[in-house]
Amino acid sequence: DAKAVFEAVDMIVKVKEPQADERAMLRKGQILFTYLHLAA
């Protein structure tokens, strides 16, 4: 599942911006590489 991936890896590579459940699994020092579109 996604939780196992988020807990184990140093870098998450996605397509779309992380949804709320995914953002909650990110941690300090982890790299997220994906589309974000934060201005909106």
PDB file of all heavy atoms in Angstrom:
ATOM      1  N   ASP A   1       0.841  -1.197   0.000  1.00  0.00           N
ATOM      2  CA  ASP A   1       0.000   0.000   0.000  1.00  0.00           C
ATOM      3  C   ASP A   1       0.875   1.246   0.000  1.00  0.00           C
ATOM      4  O   ASP A   1       2.110   1.179   0.114  1.00  0.00           O
ATOM      5  CB  ASP A   1      -0.953   0.002   1.203  1.00  0.00           C
ATOM      6  CG  ASP A   1      -0.228  -0.203   2.529  1.00  0.00           C
ATOM      7  OD1 ASP A   1       0.920   0.285   2.662  1.00  0.00           O
ATOM      8  OD2 ASP A   1      -0.784  -0.856   3.425  1.00  0.00           O
ATOM      9  N   ALA A   2       0.220   2.395  -0.121  1.00  0.00           N
ATOM     10  CA  ALA A   2       0.951   3.658  -0.190  1.00  0.00           C
ATOM     11  C   ALA A   2       1.698   3.940   1.107  1.00  0.00           C
ATOM     12  O   ALA A   2       2.823   4.474   1.083  1.00  0.00           O
ATOM     13  CB  ALA A   2      -0.019   4.796  -0.509  1.00  0.00           C
ATOM     14  N   LYS A   3       1.104   3.607   2.228  1.00  0.00           N
ATOM     15  CA  LYS A   3       1.737   3.874   3.521  1.00  0.00           C
ATOM     16  C   LYS A   3       3.101   3.200   3.602  1.00  0.00           C
ATOM     17  O   LYS A   3       4.080   3.804   4.068  1.00  0.00           O
ATOM     18  CB  LYS A   3       0.829   3.387   4.649  1.00  0.00           C
ATOM     19  CG  LYS A   3       1.323   3.709   6.052  1.00  0.00           C
ATOM     20  CD  LYS A   3       0.256   3.337   7.076  1.00  0.00           C
ATOM     21  CE  LYS A   3       0.690   3.711   8.495  1.00  0.00           C
ATOM     22  NZ  LYS A   3       1.778   2.841   8.981  1.00  0.00           N
ATOM     23  N   ALA A   4       3.175   1.967   3.124  1.00  0.00           N
ATOM     24  CA  ALA A   4       4.442   1.238   3.164  1.00  0.00           C
ATOM     25  C   ALA A   4       5.490   1.916   2.297  1.00  0.00           C
ATOM     26  O   ALA A   4       6.682   1.957   2.649  1.00  0.00           O
ATOM     27  CB  ALA A   4       4.229  -0.207   2.707  1.00  0.00           C
ATOM     28  N   VAL A   5       5.064   2.480   1.162  1.00  0.00           N
ATOM     29  CA  VAL A   5       6.003   3.176   0.284  1.00  0.00           C
ATOM     30  C   VAL A   5       6.484   4.468   0.936  1.00  0.00           C
ATOM     31  O   VAL A   5       7.689   4.739   1.010  1.00  0.00           O
ATOM     32  CB  VAL A   5       5.364   3.467  -1.089  1.00  0.00           C
ATOM     33  CG1 VAL A   5       6.314   4.285  -1.962  1.00  0.00           C
ATOM     34  CG2 VAL A   5       4.986   2.172  -1.796  1.00  0.00           C
ATOM     35  N   PHE A   6       5.556   5.289   1.417  1.00  0.00           N
ATOM     36  CA  PHE A   6       5.923   6.562   2.039  1.00  0.00           C
ATOM     37  C   PHE A   6       6.865   6.362   3.220  1.00  0.00           C
ATOM     38  O   PHE A   6       7.796   7.148   3.427  1.00  0.00           O
ATOM     39  CB  PHE A   6       4.666   7.311   2.493  1.00  0.00           C
ATOM     40  CG  PHE A   6       4.043   8.188   1.443  1.00  0.00           C
ATOM     41  CD1 PHE A   6       3.134   7.663   0.535  1.00  0.00           C
ATOM     42  CD2 PHE A   6       4.361   9.530   1.353  1.00  0.00           C
ATOM     43  CE1 PHE A   6       2.548   8.471  -0.442  1.00  0.00           C
ATOM     44  CE2 PHE A   6       3.786  10.343   0.386  1.00  0.00           C
ATOM     45  CZ  PHE A   6       2.881   9.809  -0.514  1.00  0.00           C
ATOM     46  N   GLU A   7       6.628   5.322   3.998  1.00  0.00           N
ATOM     47  CA  GLU A   7       7.452   5.084   5.181  1.00  0.00           C
ATOM     48  C   GLU A   7       8.863   4.630   4.829  1.00  0.00           C
ATOM     49  O   GLU A   7       9.816   4.900   5.569  1.00  0.00           O
ATOM     50  CB  GLU A   7       6.787   4.030   6.083  1.00  0.00           C
ATOM     51  CG  GLU A   7       5.550   4.527   6.807  1.00  0.00           C
ATOM     52  CD  GLU A   7       4.911   3.444   7.660  1.00  0.00           C
ATOM     53  OE1 GLU A   7       5.310   2.259   7.518  1.00  0.00           O
ATOM     54  OE2 GLU A   7       4.023   3.771   8.476  1.00  0.00           O
ATOM     55  N   ALA A   8       9.022   3.968   3.680  1.00  0.00           N
ATOM     56  CA  ALA A   8      10.297   3.321   3.369  1.00  0.00           C
ATOM     57  C   ALA A   8      11.248   4.163   2.531  1.00  0.00           C
ATOM     58  O   ALA A   8      12.468   3.963   2.596  1.00  0.00           O
ATOM     59  CB  ALA A   8      10.037   1.991   2.653  1.00  0.00           C
ATOM     60  N   VAL A   9      10.716   5.110   1.722  1.00  0.00           N
ATOM     61  CA  VAL A   9      11.565   5.714   0.688  1.00  0.00           C
ATOM     62  C   VAL A   9      12.075   7.105   1.065  1.00  0.00           C
ATOM     63  O   VAL A   9      11.509   7.795   1.912  1.00  0.00           O
ATOM     64  CB  VAL A   9      10.834   5.786  -0.673  1.00  0.00           C
ATOM     65  CG1 VAL A   9      10.370   4.396  -1.096  1.00  0.00           C
ATOM     66  CG2 VAL A   9       9.663   6.754  -0.626  1.00  0.00           C
ATOM     67  N   ASP A  10      13.136   7.497   0.369  1.00  0.00           N
ATOM     68  CA  ASP A  10      13.723   8.833   0.519  1.00  0.00           C
ATOM     69  C   ASP A  10      13.092   9.835  -0.442  1.00  0.00           C
ATOM     70  O   ASP A  10      13.072  11.032  -0.167  1.00  0.00           O
ATOM     71  CB  ASP A  10      15.225   8.771   0.249  1.00  0.00           C
ATOM     72  CG  ASP A  10      15.933   7.729   1.093  1.00  0.00           C
ATOM     73  OD1 ASP A  10      15.862   7.831   2.324  1.00  0.00           O
ATOM     74  OD2 ASP A  10      16.529   6.792   0.512  1.00  0.00           O
ATOM     75  N   MET A  11      12.614   9.341  -1.585  1.00  0.00           N
ATOM     76  CA  MET A  11      12.015  10.222  -2.594  1.00  0.00           C
ATOM     77  C   MET A  11      10.755   9.593  -3.159  1.00  0.00           C
ATOM     78  O   MET A  11      10.772   8.434  -3.589  1.00  0.00           O
ATOM     79  CB  MET A  11      13.001  10.508  -3.729  1.00  0.00           C
ATOM     80  CG  MET A  11      12.404  11.360  -4.857  1.00  0.00           C
ATOM     81  SD  MET A  11      13.609  12.056  -6.023  1.00  0.00           S
ATOM     82  CE  MET A  11      14.291  10.581  -6.769  1.00  0.00           C
ATOM     83  N   ILE A  12       9.681  10.369  -3.158  1.00  0.00           N
ATOM     84  CA  ILE A  12       8.412   9.984  -3.769  1.00  0.00           C
ATOM     85  C   ILE A  12       8.312  10.651  -5.135  1.00  0.00           C
ATOM     86  O   ILE A  12       8.463  11.876  -5.260  1.00  0.00           O
ATOM     87  CB  ILE A  12       7.215  10.422  -2.902  1.00  0.00           C
ATOM     88  CG1 ILE A  12       7.176   9.658  -1.580  1.00  0.00           C
ATOM     89  CG2 ILE A  12       5.904  10.254  -3.668  1.00  0.00           C
ATOM     90  CD1 ILE A  12       6.692   8.229  -1.683  1.00  0.00           C
ATOM     91  N   VAL A  13       8.080   9.858  -6.173  1.00  0.00           N
ATOM     92  CA  VAL A  13       7.880  10.380  -7.519  1.00  0.00           C
ATOM     93  C   VAL A  13       6.427  10.138  -7.903  1.00  0.00           C
ATOM     94  O   VAL A  13       5.974   8.997  -7.945  1.00  0.00           O
ATOM     95  CB  VAL A  13       8.831   9.700  -8.527  1.00  0.00           C
ATOM     96  CG1 VAL A  13       8.617  10.272  -9.927  1.00  0.00           C
ATOM     97  CG2 VAL A  13      10.283   9.867  -8.100  1.00  0.00           C
ATOM     98  N   LYS A  14       5.690  11.217  -8.163  1.00  0.00           N
ATOM     99  CA  LYS A  14       4.268  11.109  -8.474  1.00  0.00           C
ATOM    100  C   LYS A  14       3.966  11.804  -9.799  1.00  0.00           C
ATOM    101  O   LYS A  14       4.862  12.224 -10.514  1.00  0.00           O
ATOM    102  CB  LYS A  14       3.412  11.739  -7.363  1.00  0.00           C
ATOM    103  CG  LYS A  14       3.416  10.979  -6.045  1.00  0.00           C
ATOM    104  CD  LYS A  14       2.510  11.671  -5.029  1.00  0.00           C
ATOM    105  CE  LYS A  14       1.050  11.320  -5.227  1.00  0.00           C
ATOM    106  NZ  LYS A  14       0.339  12.088  -6.245  1.00  0.00           N
ATOM    107  N   VAL A  15       2.655  11.947 -10.050  1.00  0.00           N
ATOM    108  CA  VAL A  15       2.184  12.721 -11.200  1.00  0.00           C
ATOM    109  C   VAL A  15       1.439  13.942 -10.682  1.00  0.00           C
ATOM    110  O   VAL A  15       1.863  15.075 -10.890  1.00  0.00           O
ATOM    111  CB  VAL A  15       1.263  11.880 -12.111  1.00  0.00           C
ATOM    112  CG1 VAL A  15       0.750  12.735 -13.269  1.00  0.00           C
ATOM    113  CG2 VAL A  15       2.004  10.666 -12.644  1.00  0.00           C
ATOM    114  N   LYS A  16       0.334  13.731 -10.000  1.00  0.00           N
ATOM    115  CA  LYS A  16      -0.471  14.842  -9.514  1.00  0.00           C
ATOM    116  C   LYS A  16      -0.036  15.257  -8.115  1.00  0.00           C
ATOM    117  O   LYS A  16       0.668  14.543  -7.404  1.00  0.00           O
ATOM    118  CB  LYS A  16      -1.955  14.461  -9.494  1.00  0.00           C
ATOM    119  CG  LYS A  16      -2.566  14.313 -10.867  1.00  0.00           C
ATOM    120  CD  LYS A  16      -2.392  15.552 -11.731  1.00  0.00           C
ATOM    121  CE  LYS A  16      -3.172  16.749 -11.224  1.00  0.00           C
ATOM    122  NZ  LYS A  16      -2.929  17.970 -12.063  1.00  0.00           N
ATOM    123  N   GLU A  17      -0.505  16.450  -7.726  1.00  0.00           N
ATOM    124  CA  GLU A  17      -0.196  16.965  -6.405  1.00  0.00           C
ATOM    125  C   GLU A  17      -0.672  15.978  -5.339  1.00  0.00           C
ATOM    126  O   GLU A  17      -1.700  15.310  -5.523  1.00  0.00           O
ATOM    127  CB  GLU A  17      -0.862  18.331  -6.194  1.00  0.00           C
ATOM    128  CG  GLU A  17      -2.365  18.329  -6.024  1.00  0.00           C
ATOM    129  CD  GLU A  17      -3.147  18.218  -7.329  1.00  0.00           C
ATOM    130  OE1 GLU A  17      -2.531  18.169  -8.415  1.00  0.00           O
ATOM    131  OE2 GLU A  17      -4.393  18.176  -7.258  1.00  0.00           O
ATOM    132  N   PRO A  18       0.056  15.838  -4.232  1.00  0.00           N
ATOM    133  CA  PRO A  18      -0.366  14.893  -3.196  1.00  0.00           C
ATOM    134  C   PRO A  18      -1.714  15.306  -2.602  1.00  0.00           C
ATOM    135  O   PRO A  18      -1.929  16.489  -2.303  1.00  0.00           O
ATOM    136  CB  PRO A  18       0.757  14.968  -2.159  1.00  0.00           C
ATOM    137  CG  PRO A  18       1.364  16.323  -2.364  1.00  0.00           C
ATOM    138  CD  PRO A  18       1.257  16.591  -3.836  1.00  0.00           C
ATOM    139  N   GLN A  19      -2.592  14.351  -2.457  1.00  0.00           N
ATOM    140  CA  GLN A  19      -3.877  14.615  -1.830  1.00  0.00           C
ATOM    141  C   GLN A  19      -3.698  14.664  -0.311  1.00  0.00           C
ATOM    142  O   GLN A  19      -2.620  14.371   0.217  1.00  0.00           O
ATOM    143  CB  GLN A  19      -4.880  13.538  -2.233  1.00  0.00           C
ATOM    144  CG  GLN A  19      -5.040  13.395  -3.743  1.00  0.00           C
ATOM    145  CD  GLN A  19      -5.506  14.670  -4.427  1.00  0.00           C
ATOM    146  OE1 GLN A  19      -6.646  15.094  -4.262  1.00  0.00           O
ATOM    147  NE2 GLN A  19      -4.625  15.306  -5.203  1.00  0.00           N
ATOM    148  N   ALA A  20      -4.745  15.056   0.418  1.00  0.00           N
ATOM    149  CA  ALA A  20      -4.612  15.299   1.861  1.00  0.00           C
ATOM    150  C   ALA A  20      -4.041  14.088   2.599  1.00  0.00           C
ATOM    151  O   ALA A  20      -3.152  14.230   3.455  1.00  0.00           O
ATOM    152  CB  ALA A  20      -5.974  15.683   2.445  1.00  0.00           C
ATOM    153  N   ASP A  21      -4.529  12.881   2.274  1.00  0.00           N
ATOM    154  CA  ASP A  21      -4.029  11.677   2.951  1.00  0.00           C
ATOM    155  C   ASP A  21      -2.554  11.449   2.655  1.00  0.00           C
ATOM    156  O   ASP A  21      -1.806  10.957   3.509  1.00  0.00           O
ATOM    157  CB  ASP A  21      -4.838  10.446   2.527  1.00  0.00           C
ATOM    158  CG  ASP A  21      -6.254  10.457   3.071  1.00  0.00           C
ATOM    159  OD1 ASP A  21      -6.539  11.286   3.963  1.00  0.00           O
ATOM    160  OD2 ASP A  21      -7.074   9.644   2.604  1.00  0.00           O
ATOM    161  N   GLU A  22      -2.132  11.796   1.451  1.00  0.00           N
ATOM    162  CA  GLU A  22      -0.727  11.621   1.077  1.00  0.00           C
ATOM    163  C   GLU A  22       0.154  12.673   1.743  1.00  0.00           C
ATOM    164  O   GLU A  22       1.278  12.372   2.189  1.00  0.00           O
ATOM    165  CB  GLU A  22      -0.587  11.691  -0.448  1.00  0.00           C
ATOM    166  CG  GLU A  22      -1.300  10.559  -1.169  1.00  0.00           C
ATOM    167  CD  GLU A  22      -1.349  10.740  -2.674  1.00  0.00           C
ATOM    168  OE1 GLU A  22      -1.573  11.874  -3.132  1.00  0.00           O
ATOM    169  OE2 GLU A  22      -1.155   9.734  -3.382  1.00  0.00           O
ATOM    170  N   ARG A  23      -0.343  13.893   1.808  1.00  0.00           N
ATOM    171  CA  ARG A  23       0.438  14.950   2.469  1.00  0.00           C
ATOM    172  C   ARG A  23       0.700  14.605   3.925  1.00  0.00           C
ATOM    173  O   ARG A  23       1.767  14.917   4.470  1.00  0.00           O
ATOM    174  CB  ARG A  23      -0.291  16.293   2.353  1.00  0.00           C
ATOM    175  CG  ARG A  23      -0.454  16.775   0.921  1.00  0.00           C
ATOM    176  CD  ARG A  23      -0.823  18.230   0.845  1.00  0.00           C
ATOM    177  NE  ARG A  23      -2.166  18.544   1.304  1.00  0.00           N
ATOM    178  CZ  ARG A  23      -3.248  18.592   0.532  1.00  0.00           C
ATOM    179  NH1 ARG A  23      -3.154  18.272  -0.763  1.00  0.00           N
ATOM    180  NH2 ARG A  23      -4.416  18.929   1.030  1.00  0.00           N
ATOM    181  N   ALA A  24      -0.258  13.932   4.548  1.00  0.00           N
ATOM    182  CA  ALA A  24      -0.104  13.550   5.953  1.00  0.00           C
ATOM    183  C   ALA A  24       0.976  12.495   6.143  1.00  0.00           C
ATOM    184  O   ALA A  24       1.494  12.323   7.259  1.00  0.00           O
ATOM    185  CB  ALA A  24      -1.436  13.025   6.496  1.00  0.00           C
ATOM    186  N   MET A  25       1.342  11.787   5.076  1.00  0.00           N
ATOM    187  CA  MET A  25       2.365  10.734   5.181  1.00  0.00           C
ATOM    188  C   MET A  25       3.764  11.232   4.857  1.00  0.00           C
ATOM    189  O   MET A  25       4.747  10.520   5.078  1.00  0.00           O
ATOM    190  CB  MET A  25       2.001   9.562   4.257  1.00  0.00           C
ATOM    191  CG  MET A  25       0.772   8.785   4.709  1.00  0.00           C
ATOM    192  SD  MET A  25       0.493   7.263   3.767  1.00  0.00           S
ATOM    193  CE  MET A  25      -0.210   7.917   2.254  1.00  0.00           C
ATOM    194  N   LEU A  26       3.875  12.441   4.333  1.00  0.00           N
ATOM    195  CA  LEU A  26       5.203  12.998   4.048  1.00  0.00           C
ATOM    196  C   LEU A  26       5.926  13.315   5.349  1.00  0.00           C
ATOM    197  O   LEU A  26       5.305  13.606   6.369  1.00  0.00           O
ATOM    198  CB  LEU A  26       5.075  14.273   3.216  1.00  0.00           C
ATOM    199  CG  LEU A  26       4.691  14.098   1.745  1.00  0.00           C
ATOM    200  CD1 LEU A  26       4.281  15.440   1.151  1.00  0.00           C
ATOM    201  CD2 LEU A  26       5.839  13.485   0.945  1.00  0.00           C
ATOM    202  N   ARG A  27       7.242  13.275   5.308  1.00  0.00           N
ATOM    203  CA  ARG A  27       8.011  13.543   6.524  1.00  0.00           C
ATOM    204  C   ARG A  27       9.185  14.474   6.226  1.00  0.00           C
ATOM    205  O   ARG A  27       9.583  14.659   5.071  1.00  0.00           O
ATOM    206  CB  ARG A  27       8.527  12.242   7.137  1.00  0.00           C
ATOM    207  CG  ARG A  27       9.520  11.499   6.273  1.00  0.00           C
ATOM    208  CD  ARG A  27      10.074  10.264   6.967  1.00  0.00           C
ATOM    209  NE  ARG A  27      11.119   9.637   6.180  1.00  0.00           N
ATOM    210  CZ  ARG A  27      10.917   8.748   5.221  1.00  0.00           C
ATOM    211  NH1 ARG A  27       9.683   8.355   4.930  1.00  0.00           N
ATOM    212  NH2 ARG A  27      11.935   8.235   4.548  1.00  0.00           N
ATOM    213  N   LYS A  28       9.713  15.040   7.280  1.00  0.00           N
ATOM    214  CA  LYS A  28      10.852  15.954   7.190  1.00  0.00           C
ATOM    215  C   LYS A  28      12.022  15.266   6.493  1.00  0.00           C
ATOM    216  O   LYS A  28      12.361  14.123   6.808  1.00  0.00           O
ATOM    217  CB  LYS A  28      11.259  16.406   8.581  1.00  0.00           C
ATOM    218  CG  LYS A  28      12.389  17.432   8.622  1.00  0.00           C
ATOM    219  CD  LYS A  28      12.697  17.806  10.045  1.00  0.00           C
ATOM    220  CE  LYS A  28      13.892  18.762  10.142  1.00  0.00           C
ATOM    221  NZ  LYS A  28      13.591  20.076   9.545  1.00  0.00           N
ATOM    222  N   GLY A  29      12.619  15.957   5.522  1.00  0.00           N
ATOM    223  CA  GLY A  29      13.774  15.424   4.818  1.00  0.00           C
ATOM    224  C   GLY A  29      13.449  14.592   3.599  1.00  0.00           C
ATOM    225  O   GLY A  29      14.339  14.317   2.790  1.00  0.00           O
ATOM    226  N   GLN A  30      12.199  14.196   3.457  1.00  0.00           N
ATOM    227  CA  GLN A  30      11.800  13.387   2.298  1.00  0.00           C
ATOM    228  C   GLN A  30      11.656  14.286   1.075  1.00  0.00           C
ATOM    229  O   GLN A  30      11.246  15.442   1.176  1.00  0.00           O
ATOM    230  CB  GLN A  30      10.478  12.691   2.594  1.00  0.00           C
ATOM    231  CG  GLN A  30      10.132  11.528   1.684  1.00  0.00           C
ATOM    232  CD  GLN A  30       8.960  10.723   2.238  1.00  0.00           C
ATOM    233  OE1 GLN A  30       7.979  11.274   2.726  1.00  0.00           O
ATOM    234  NE2 GLN A  30       9.079   9.403   2.170  1.00  0.00           N
ATOM    235  N   ILE A  31      12.002  13.761  -0.106  1.00  0.00           N
ATOM    236  CA  ILE A  31      11.872  14.513  -1.356  1.00  0.00           C
ATOM    237  C   ILE A  31      10.564  14.118  -2.029  1.00  0.00           C
ATOM    238  O   ILE A  31      10.249  12.934  -2.138  1.00  0.00           O
ATOM    239  CB  ILE A  31      13.044  14.210  -2.312  1.00  0.00           C
ATOM    240  CG1 ILE A  31      14.385  14.580  -1.676  1.00  0.00           C
ATOM    241  CG2 ILE A  31      12.869  14.958  -3.636  1.00  0.00           C
ATOM    242  CD1 ILE A  31      15.582  14.058  -2.456  1.00  0.00           C
ATOM    243  N   LEU A  32       9.818  15.112  -2.479  1.00  0.00           N
ATOM    244  CA  LEU A  32       8.610  14.893  -3.274  1.00  0.00           C
ATOM    245  C   LEU A  32       8.846  15.509  -4.639  1.00  0.00           C
ATOM    246  O   LEU A  32       9.144  16.710  -4.751  1.00  0.00           O
ATOM    247  CB  LEU A  32       7.394  15.532  -2.606  1.00  0.00           C
ATOM    248  CG  LEU A  32       6.097  15.528  -3.412  1.00  0.00           C
ATOM    249  CD1 LEU A  32       5.585  14.103  -3.620  1.00  0.00           C
ATOM    250  CD2 LEU A  32       5.025  16.377  -2.729  1.00  0.00           C
ATOM    251  N   PHE A  33       8.732  14.711  -5.686  1.00  0.00           N
ATOM    252  CA  PHE A  33       8.980  15.164  -7.059  1.00  0.00           C
ATOM    253  C   PHE A  33       7.723  14.891  -7.871  1.00  0.00           C
ATOM    254  O   PHE A  33       7.392  13.742  -8.189  1.00  0.00           O
ATOM    255  CB  PHE A  33      10.185  14.402  -7.626  1.00  0.00           C
ATOM    256  CG  PHE A  33      10.734  14.947  -8.909  1.00  0.00           C
ATOM    257  CD1 PHE A  33      10.783  16.307  -9.170  1.00  0.00           C
ATOM    258  CD2 PHE A  33      11.261  14.084  -9.871  1.00  0.00           C
ATOM    259  CE1 PHE A  33      11.315  16.808 -10.355  1.00  0.00           C
ATOM    260  CE2 PHE A  33      11.799  14.566 -11.064  1.00  0.00           C
ATOM    261  CZ  PHE A  33      11.821  15.930 -11.302  1.00  0.00           C
ATOM    262  N   THR A  34       6.980  15.959  -8.195  1.00  0.00           N
ATOM    263  CA  THR A  34       5.680  15.799  -8.850  1.00  0.00           C
ATOM    264  C   THR A  34       5.179  17.161  -9.326  1.00  0.00           C
ATOM    265  O   THR A  34       5.828  18.180  -9.124  1.00  0.00           O
ATOM    266  CB  THR A  34       4.663  15.171  -7.872  1.00  0.00           C
ATOM    267  OG1 THR A  34       3.468  14.820  -8.565  1.00  0.00           O
ATOM    268  CG2 THR A  34       4.311  16.112  -6.729  1.00  0.00           C
ATOM    269  N   TYR A  35       4.009  17.184  -9.978  1.00  0.00           N
ATOM    270  CA  TYR A  35       3.321  18.450 -10.226  1.00  0.00           C
ATOM    271  C   TYR A  35       2.724  18.943  -8.912  1.00  0.00           C
ATOM    272  O   TYR A  35       2.172  18.145  -8.139  1.00  0.00           O
ATOM    273  CB  TYR A  35       2.193  18.269 -11.250  1.00  0.00           C
ATOM    274  CG  TYR A  35       2.666  18.054 -12.670  1.00  0.00           C
ATOM    275  CD1 TYR A  35       2.433  16.850 -13.330  1.00  0.00           C
ATOM    276  CD2 TYR A  35       3.341  19.058 -13.359  1.00  0.00           C
ATOM    277  CE1 TYR A  35       2.864  16.645 -14.638  1.00  0.00           C
ATOM    278  CE2 TYR A  35       3.771  18.866 -14.660  1.00  0.00           C
ATOM    279  CZ  TYR A  35       3.530  17.664 -15.295  1.00  0.00           C
ATOM    280  OH  TYR A  35       3.964  17.469 -16.576  1.00  0.00           O
ATOM    281  N   LEU A  36       2.784  20.259  -8.670  1.00  0.00           N
ATOM    282  CA  LEU A  36       2.246  20.822  -7.430  1.00  0.00           C
ATOM    283  C   LEU A  36       1.205  21.911  -7.681  1.00  0.00           C
ATOM    284  O   LEU A  36       0.157  21.927  -7.054  1.00  0.00           O
ATOM    285  CB  LEU A  36       3.381  21.387  -6.567  1.00  0.00           C
ATOM    286  CG  LEU A  36       4.343  20.343  -5.985  1.00  0.00           C
ATOM    287  CD1 LEU A  36       5.489  21.024  -5.252  1.00  0.00           C
ATOM    288  CD2 LEU A  36       3.616  19.387  -5.063  1.00  0.00           C
ATOM    289  N   HIS A  37       1.506  22.879  -8.560  1.00  0.00           N
ATOM    290  CA  HIS A  37       0.575  23.979  -8.854  1.00  0.00           C
ATOM    291  C   HIS A  37       0.101  24.666  -7.575  1.00  0.00           C
ATOM    292  O   HIS A  37      -1.097  24.792  -7.307  1.00  0.00           O
ATOM    293  CB  HIS A  37      -0.629  23.456  -9.656  1.00  0.00           C
ATOM    294  CG  HIS A  37      -0.257  22.837 -10.968  1.00  0.00           C
ATOM    295  ND1 HIS A  37       0.255  23.562 -12.023  1.00  0.00           N
ATOM    296  CD2 HIS A  37      -0.302  21.543 -11.395  1.00  0.00           C
ATOM    297  CE1 HIS A  37       0.491  22.751 -13.052  1.00  0.00           C
ATOM    298  NE2 HIS A  37       0.184  21.529 -12.692  1.00  0.00           N
ATOM    299  N   LEU A  38       1.047  25.117  -6.761  1.00  0.00           N
ATOM    300  CA  LEU A  38       0.737  25.629  -5.428  1.00  0.00           C
ATOM    301  C   LEU A  38       0.091  27.006  -5.422  1.00  0.00           C
ATOM    302  O   LEU A  38      -0.607  27.357  -4.476  1.00  0.00           O
ATOM    303  CB  LEU A  38       2.013  25.675  -4.585  1.00  0.00           C
ATOM    304  CG  LEU A  38       2.646  24.322  -4.254  1.00  0.00           C
ATOM    305  CD1 LEU A  38       3.918  24.519  -3.436  1.00  0.00           C
ATOM    306  CD2 LEU A  38       1.676  23.434  -3.512  1.00  0.00           C
ATOM    307  N   ALA A  39       0.317  27.799  -6.463  1.00  0.00           N
ATOM    308  CA  ALA A  39      -0.175  29.179  -6.439  1.00  0.00           C
ATOM    309  C   ALA A  39      -1.692  29.257  -6.312  1.00  0.00           C
ATOM    310  O   ALA A  39      -2.226  30.260  -5.836  1.00  0.00           O
ATOM    311  CB  ALA A  39       0.286  29.916  -7.688  1.00  0.00           C
ATOM    312  N   ALA A  40      -2.372  28.206  -6.737  1.00  0.00           N
ATOM    313  CA  ALA A  40      -3.840  28.197  -6.657  1.00  0.00           C
ATOM    314  C   ALA A  40      -4.340  27.256  -5.556  1.00  0.00           C
ATOM    315  O   ALA A  40      -5.520  26.912  -5.524  1.00  0.00           O
ATOM    316  CB  ALA A  40      -4.427  27.769  -8.000  1.00  0.00           C
TER     317      ALA A  40
END
